[in-house]
Amino acid sequence: MKAVNNRILVKVNMEQKNSMLVGGIMLSTAMKFETNYREKSPVLAVVIEGDSRLPKGTIICCHHNHFYSPSPYQLENNLFSIPFNKTIFATVTKNGNLNAICGNVLGERVKKNHTFHVEHPDFYVDRLLVKDKGWTSYKEDSIIICRPNAPYDIVYNWNGVERRVTKVSEDMICGYLK
């Protein structure tokens, strides 16, 4: 089967779409949203047919909305033809790190000092210290300013240890600090 119209073919285990063995180590993603809804619930998939940037066998972390049955992206059973766009957040390396792709940026939240009382100050953080610029032109270790509430945390477990990285798509970035 050949992917067309700027799509890639991926395989997802629909019964275990939130966990996958990577190099013999279990990687699992968050199974539920936190009460502040700032965590993504990503799905792990294996590229069956991609391109030079996403070759066959690459493990990707992508948006969960593509993977349900019946889905307009589902070709058969666990084979999906998904858009090659910002809904593909990152690739997963053999040591469990995420590498940003498709216009996504990964980083750490920068706490903002509020001059007014905010019950949950993390809700309104709009700044990110860039740790992985992905395919964008931003510089690593720079601070980007994005639309309020645009960043989401990707929470996952690698070999039983929780890891967290904050993701924002490039189209939600408004500027950066020099």
Protein backbone atom coordinates (compact mmCIF):
# COMPACT_ATOMS: atom_id res chain seq x y z
CA MET A 1 0.00 0.00 0.00
CA LYS A 2 1.25 3.51 -0.83
CA ALA A 3 0.44 6.67 1.15
CA VAL A 4 -0.73 9.70 -0.85
CA ASN A 5 -1.85 13.29 -0.26
CA ASN A 6 0.83 14.18 2.29
CA ARG A 7 0.02 11.22 4.56
CA ILE A 8 2.04 8.45 6.15
CA LEU A 9 1.03 4.90 6.96
CA VAL A 10 1.30 3.88 10.60
CA LYS A 11 0.49 0.85 12.67
CA VAL A 12 -1.09 1.14 16.10
CA ASN A 13 -1.99 -1.66 18.47
CA MET A 14 -5.57 -0.57 19.18
CA GLU A 15 -5.76 -2.71 22.31
CA GLN A 16 -2.56 -1.30 23.76
CA LYS A 17 -2.32 2.05 21.99
CA ASN A 18 -0.89 3.76 25.06
CA SER A 19 2.17 1.52 25.49
CA MET A 20 4.87 0.03 23.29
CA LEU A 21 8.16 -1.83 23.61
CA VAL A 22 11.10 0.28 22.39
CA GLY A 23 14.40 -1.57 22.31
CA GLY A 24 13.07 -4.03 24.88
CA ILE A 25 11.98 -1.26 27.27
CA MET A 26 8.33 -0.43 27.93
CA LEU A 27 7.25 3.10 27.04
CA SER A 28 3.80 4.14 28.17
CA THR A 29 1.90 7.39 27.84
CA ALA A 30 -0.50 9.07 30.22
CA MET A 31 -3.82 7.25 30.25
CA LYS A 32 -5.92 10.17 31.51
CA PHE A 33 -5.99 13.93 31.56
CA GLU A 34 -5.10 15.88 34.67
CA THR A 35 -7.88 18.05 36.03
CA ASN A 36 -6.32 21.13 34.42
CA TYR A 37 -6.44 19.50 30.95
CA ARG A 38 -2.88 20.62 30.21
CA GLU A 39 -1.63 17.10 29.47
CA LYS A 40 -1.82 15.47 26.06
CA SER A 41 -2.93 11.90 25.77
CA PRO A 42 -0.66 10.88 22.90
CA VAL A 43 -0.58 7.61 21.04
CA LEU A 44 2.53 5.69 20.02
CA ALA A 45 2.64 4.41 16.45
CA VAL A 46 5.17 2.70 14.17
CA VAL A 47 5.76 4.18 10.72
CA ILE A 48 4.99 1.61 8.03
CA GLU A 49 5.54 4.00 5.14
CA GLY A 50 6.94 7.48 5.61
CA ASP A 51 9.65 9.44 3.83
CA SER A 52 13.32 10.41 4.32
CA ARG A 53 12.45 12.30 7.52
CA LEU A 54 10.30 9.49 8.96
CA PRO A 55 11.60 6.18 7.63
CA LYS A 56 9.89 2.85 8.09
CA GLY A 57 10.18 1.55 11.66
CA THR A 58 10.33 4.99 13.30
CA ILE A 59 8.28 5.18 16.47
CA ILE A 60 6.25 8.38 16.69
CA CYS A 61 4.20 10.08 19.37
CA CYS A 62 1.07 11.63 17.87
CA HIS A 63 -2.35 13.03 18.66
CA HIS A 64 -4.88 10.47 19.88
CA ASN A 65 -7.81 11.72 17.76
CA HIS A 66 -6.70 9.78 14.67
CA PHE A 67 -6.86 6.38 16.34
CA TYR A 68 -10.32 5.09 17.02
CA SER A 69 -12.67 2.80 15.20
CA PRO A 70 -14.27 3.70 12.87
CA SER A 71 -11.91 6.53 11.96
CA PRO A 72 -11.68 8.23 8.57
CA TYR A 73 -7.92 7.54 8.84
CA GLN A 74 -8.32 3.80 9.49
CA LEU A 75 -7.55 1.64 6.48
CA GLU A 76 -7.94 -1.74 8.16
CA ASN A 77 -7.57 -3.16 11.66
CA ASN A 78 -4.53 -1.36 13.10
CA LEU A 79 -3.31 0.35 9.89
CA PHE A 80 -3.93 4.09 9.56
CA SER A 81 -3.15 6.73 6.94
CA ILE A 82 -2.58 9.91 8.95
CA PRO A 83 -1.76 13.46 7.85
CA PHE A 84 1.92 14.39 7.89
CA ASN A 85 1.41 17.54 9.98
CA LYS A 86 1.62 19.02 13.48
CA THR A 87 -0.52 16.20 14.91
CA ILE A 88 2.68 14.13 14.80
CA PHE A 89 4.45 15.53 17.87
CA ALA A 90 7.78 13.71 18.06
CA THR A 91 9.84 10.66 17.29
CA VAL A 92 10.92 8.36 20.12
CA THR A 93 14.65 7.62 20.38
CA LYS A 94 16.12 4.33 21.55
CA ASN A 95 16.88 5.88 24.95
CA GLY A 96 13.33 7.14 25.41
CA ASN A 97 13.77 10.79 24.53
CA LEU A 98 11.35 12.65 22.30
CA ASN A 99 12.57 14.61 19.27
CA ALA A 100 10.17 17.31 18.04
CA ILE A 101 8.99 17.13 14.43
CA CYS A 102 6.36 18.57 12.08
CA GLY A 103 6.41 22.15 13.37
CA ASN A 104 6.31 21.22 17.06
CA VAL A 105 8.69 22.58 19.68
CA LEU A 106 9.53 20.83 22.96
CA GLY A 107 10.67 22.60 26.08
CA GLU A 108 10.11 23.53 29.68
CA ARG A 109 7.54 25.94 31.02
CA VAL A 110 8.82 29.27 32.29
CA LYS A 111 6.88 30.37 35.36
CA LYS A 112 5.35 33.79 34.96
CA ASN A 113 5.11 36.15 37.92
CA HIS A 114 1.53 37.34 38.29
CA THR A 115 0.64 40.69 39.84
CA PHE A 116 -2.85 39.38 40.61
CA HIS A 117 -4.11 36.31 42.43
CA VAL A 118 -4.44 33.23 40.26
CA GLU A 119 -5.76 30.03 41.78
CA HIS A 120 -3.78 27.83 39.38
CA PRO A 121 -0.91 29.93 38.00
CA ASP A 122 0.36 27.16 35.72
CA PHE A 123 -2.82 27.48 33.65
CA TYR A 124 -1.68 30.80 32.25
CA VAL A 125 1.92 30.10 31.40
CA ASP A 126 2.61 31.28 27.89
CA ARG A 127 6.40 31.02 27.82
CA LEU A 128 8.55 28.05 26.99
CA LEU A 129 12.30 27.50 27.26
CA VAL A 130 13.12 25.70 24.01
CA LYS A 131 14.89 22.39 24.56
CA ASP A 132 14.20 20.81 21.16
CA LYS A 133 13.35 23.16 18.29
CA GLY A 134 12.52 20.27 15.99
CA TRP A 135 12.24 21.37 12.37
CA THR A 136 11.56 25.01 13.27
CA SER A 137 13.98 27.95 13.09
CA TYR A 138 13.85 28.81 16.81
CA LYS A 139 17.05 28.54 18.82
CA GLU A 140 17.43 26.02 21.61
CA ASP A 141 17.59 27.61 25.08
CA SER A 142 15.68 30.66 23.82
CA ILE A 143 12.35 31.63 25.35
CA ILE A 144 9.33 31.62 23.09
CA ILE A 145 6.05 33.34 23.86
CA CYS A 146 2.95 31.54 22.72
CA ARG A 147 -0.78 31.94 22.86
CA PRO A 148 -2.11 31.45 26.40
CA ASN A 149 -2.85 27.81 27.17
CA ALA A 150 -1.30 26.63 23.89
CA PRO A 151 1.47 24.48 25.47
CA TYR A 152 0.57 20.95 26.52
CA ASP A 153 2.57 18.48 28.56
CA ILE A 154 3.40 15.09 27.11
CA VAL A 155 3.72 12.76 30.08
CA TYR A 156 5.13 9.29 29.58
CA ASN A 157 6.93 6.53 31.43
CA TRP A 158 10.22 5.17 30.19
CA ASN A 159 11.42 2.04 31.95
CA GLY A 160 9.15 2.87 34.89
CA VAL A 161 10.36 6.47 35.28
CA GLU A 162 7.95 9.33 34.55
CA ARG A 163 9.16 11.89 32.04
CA ARG A 164 7.45 15.13 31.11
CA VAL A 165 8.06 17.53 28.26
CA THR A 166 5.99 20.52 27.18
CA LYS A 167 4.94 20.77 23.53
CA VAL A 168 3.66 23.68 21.50
CA SER A 169 2.99 23.80 17.78
CA GLU A 170 4.79 26.47 15.80
CA ASP A 171 1.58 28.16 14.68
CA MET A 172 0.79 28.99 18.33
CA ILE A 173 4.07 30.87 18.87
CA CYS A 174 3.68 34.67 18.91
CA GLY A 175 7.28 35.73 19.45
CA TYR A 176 10.51 35.08 21.30
CA LEU A 177 12.82 36.79 23.74
CA LYS A 178 16.37 37.51 22.63
